[in-house]
């Protein structure tokens, strides 16, 4: 029986904590693309204002907050 696909923080494609690398491995895309999308969404002005009006803090701070939460919640990959 095939084991279900799981999201892990990457050990081999990590820059800071391996969150973007793990997301890239999960969706079978280049982790650099995930990092570029993350940076683009952080810097895109209309998203920042929309996020600030809904949540109360800027998207840059919010994205950093969500990255830290993801790094704490997503387990490290058991593969070495």
C-alpha atoms as a PDB file:
ATOM      1  CA  UNK A   1       0.000   0.000   0.000  1.00  0.00           C
ATOM      2  CA  UNK A   2       1.305   3.443  -0.935  1.00  0.00           C
ATOM      3  CA  UNK A   3       2.096   5.762   1.962  1.00  0.00           C
ATOM      4  CA  UNK A   4       0.283   9.151   1.832  1.00  0.00           C
ATOM      5  CA  UNK A   5       2.250  12.207   0.785  1.00  0.00           C
ATOM      6  CA  UNK A   6       3.404  14.308   3.771  1.00  0.00           C
ATOM      7  CA  UNK A   7       4.741  17.835   4.081  1.00  0.00           C
ATOM      8  CA  UNK A   8       8.141  18.096   5.778  1.00  0.00           C
ATOM      9  CA  UNK A   9      10.756  20.807   6.158  1.00  0.00           C
ATOM     10  CA  UNK A  10      13.553  20.039   3.743  1.00  0.00           C
ATOM     11  CA  UNK A  11      16.989  19.030   4.957  1.00  0.00           C
ATOM     12  CA  UNK A  12      18.764  19.265   1.599  1.00  0.00           C
ATOM     13  CA  UNK A  13      16.946  22.307   0.080  1.00  0.00           C
ATOM     14  CA  UNK A  14      17.068  24.629   3.045  1.00  0.00           C
ATOM     15  CA  UNK A  15      18.183  28.238   3.264  1.00  0.00           C
ATOM     16  CA  UNK A  16      16.828  29.237   6.675  1.00  0.00           C
ATOM     17  CA  UNK A  17      14.614  26.493   8.116  1.00  0.00           C
ATOM     18  CA  UNK A  18      13.686  24.464   5.029  1.00  0.00           C
ATOM     19  CA  UNK A  19      10.028  25.516   4.832  1.00  0.00           C
ATOM     20  CA  UNK A  20      10.100  26.702   1.200  1.00  0.00           C
ATOM     21  CA  UNK A  21      12.294  23.749   0.246  1.00  0.00           C
ATOM     22  CA  UNK A  22       9.803  21.368   1.833  1.00  0.00           C
ATOM     23  CA  UNK A  23       6.868  22.998   0.062  1.00  0.00           C
ATOM     24  CA  UNK A  24       8.779  22.758  -3.216  1.00  0.00           C
ATOM     25  CA  UNK A  25       9.499  19.069  -2.645  1.00  0.00           C
ATOM     26  CA  UNK A  26       5.862  18.419  -1.703  1.00  0.00           C
ATOM     27  CA  UNK A  27       4.529  19.997  -4.916  1.00  0.00           C
ATOM     28  CA  UNK A  28       7.487  18.727  -7.038  1.00  0.00           C
ATOM     29  CA  UNK A  29       8.591  22.214  -8.111  1.00  0.00           C
ATOM     30  CA  UNK A  30      11.879  24.055  -7.744  1.00  0.00           C
ATOM     31  CA  UNK A  31      12.162  25.527  -4.217  1.00  0.00           C
ATOM     32  CA  UNK A  32      13.631  28.706  -5.727  1.00  0.00           C
ATOM     33  CA  UNK A  33      10.265  29.280  -7.406  1.00  0.00           C
ATOM     34  CA  UNK A  34       8.493  28.961  -4.041  1.00  0.00           C
ATOM     35  CA  UNK A  35      10.948  31.441  -2.485  1.00  0.00           C
ATOM     36  CA  UNK A  36      10.433  33.932  -5.341  1.00  0.00           C
ATOM     37  CA  UNK A  37       6.646  33.668  -5.038  1.00  0.00           C
ATOM     38  CA  UNK A  38       6.945  34.191  -1.258  1.00  0.00           C
ATOM     39  CA  UNK A  39       9.087  37.317  -1.746  1.00  0.00           C
ATOM     40  CA  UNK A  40       6.819  38.638  -4.500  1.00  0.00           C
ATOM     41  CA  UNK A  41       3.718  38.280  -2.330  1.00  0.00           C
ATOM     42  CA  UNK A  42       5.489  39.982   0.579  1.00  0.00           C
ATOM     43  CA  UNK A  43       6.440  42.987  -1.551  1.00  0.00           C
ATOM     44  CA  UNK A  44       3.316  43.341  -3.709  1.00  0.00           C
ATOM     45  CA  UNK A  45       1.691  46.562  -2.447  1.00  0.00           C
ATOM     46  CA  UNK A  46      -2.006  45.750  -2.874  1.00  0.00           C
ATOM     47  CA  UNK A  47      -1.612  42.484  -0.916  1.00  0.00           C
ATOM     48  CA  UNK A  48       0.166  44.365   1.883  1.00  0.00           C
ATOM     49  CA  UNK A  49      -2.650  46.895   2.282  1.00  0.00           C
ATOM     50  CA  UNK A  50      -5.374  44.254   2.028  1.00  0.00           C
ATOM     51  CA  UNK A  51      -3.652  42.062   4.593  1.00  0.00           C
ATOM     52  CA  UNK A  52      -3.054  45.045   6.897  1.00  0.00           C
ATOM     53  CA  UNK A  53      -6.713  46.074   6.739  1.00  0.00           C
ATOM     54  CA  UNK A  54      -7.911  42.518   7.495  1.00  0.00           C
ATOM     55  CA  UNK A  55      -5.399  41.407  10.115  1.00  0.00           C
ATOM     56  CA  UNK A  56      -3.934  44.609  11.488  1.00  0.00           C
ATOM     57  CA  UNK A  57      -0.271  44.191  10.564  1.00  0.00           C
ATOM     58  CA  UNK A  58       1.675  44.379   7.327  1.00  0.00           C
ATOM     59  CA  UNK A  59       2.136  41.440   4.989  1.00  0.00           C
ATOM     60  CA  UNK A  60       5.907  41.550   5.383  1.00  0.00           C
ATOM     61  CA  UNK A  61       5.560  41.124   9.116  1.00  0.00           C
ATOM     62  CA  UNK A  62       2.696  38.693   8.625  1.00  0.00           C
ATOM     63  CA  UNK A  63       4.641  36.566   6.158  1.00  0.00           C
ATOM     64  CA  UNK A  64       7.586  36.432   8.509  1.00  0.00           C
ATOM     65  CA  UNK A  65       5.207  35.474  11.321  1.00  0.00           C
ATOM     66  CA  UNK A  66       3.633  32.711   9.189  1.00  0.00           C
ATOM     67  CA  UNK A  67       7.081  31.444   8.168  1.00  0.00           C
ATOM     68  CA  UNK A  68       8.113  31.129  11.815  1.00  0.00           C
ATOM     69  CA  UNK A  69       4.849  29.338  12.641  1.00  0.00           C
ATOM     70  CA  UNK A  70       5.338  26.985   9.665  1.00  0.00           C
ATOM     71  CA  UNK A  71       8.916  26.276  10.762  1.00  0.00           C
ATOM     72  CA  UNK A  72       7.630  25.361  14.219  1.00  0.00           C
ATOM     73  CA  UNK A  73       4.666  23.251  13.046  1.00  0.00           C
ATOM     74  CA  UNK A  74       6.036  21.408   9.989  1.00  0.00           C
ATOM     75  CA  UNK A  75       8.233  18.499  11.098  1.00  0.00           C
ATOM     76  CA  UNK A  76      11.786  18.076   9.802  1.00  0.00           C
ATOM     77  CA  UNK A  77      12.200  15.488   7.073  1.00  0.00           C
ATOM     78  CA  UNK A  78      13.258  12.092   8.434  1.00  0.00           C
ATOM     79  CA  UNK A  79      15.448  11.535   5.338  1.00  0.00           C
ATOM     80  CA  UNK A  80      19.102  12.498   5.540  1.00  0.00           C
END
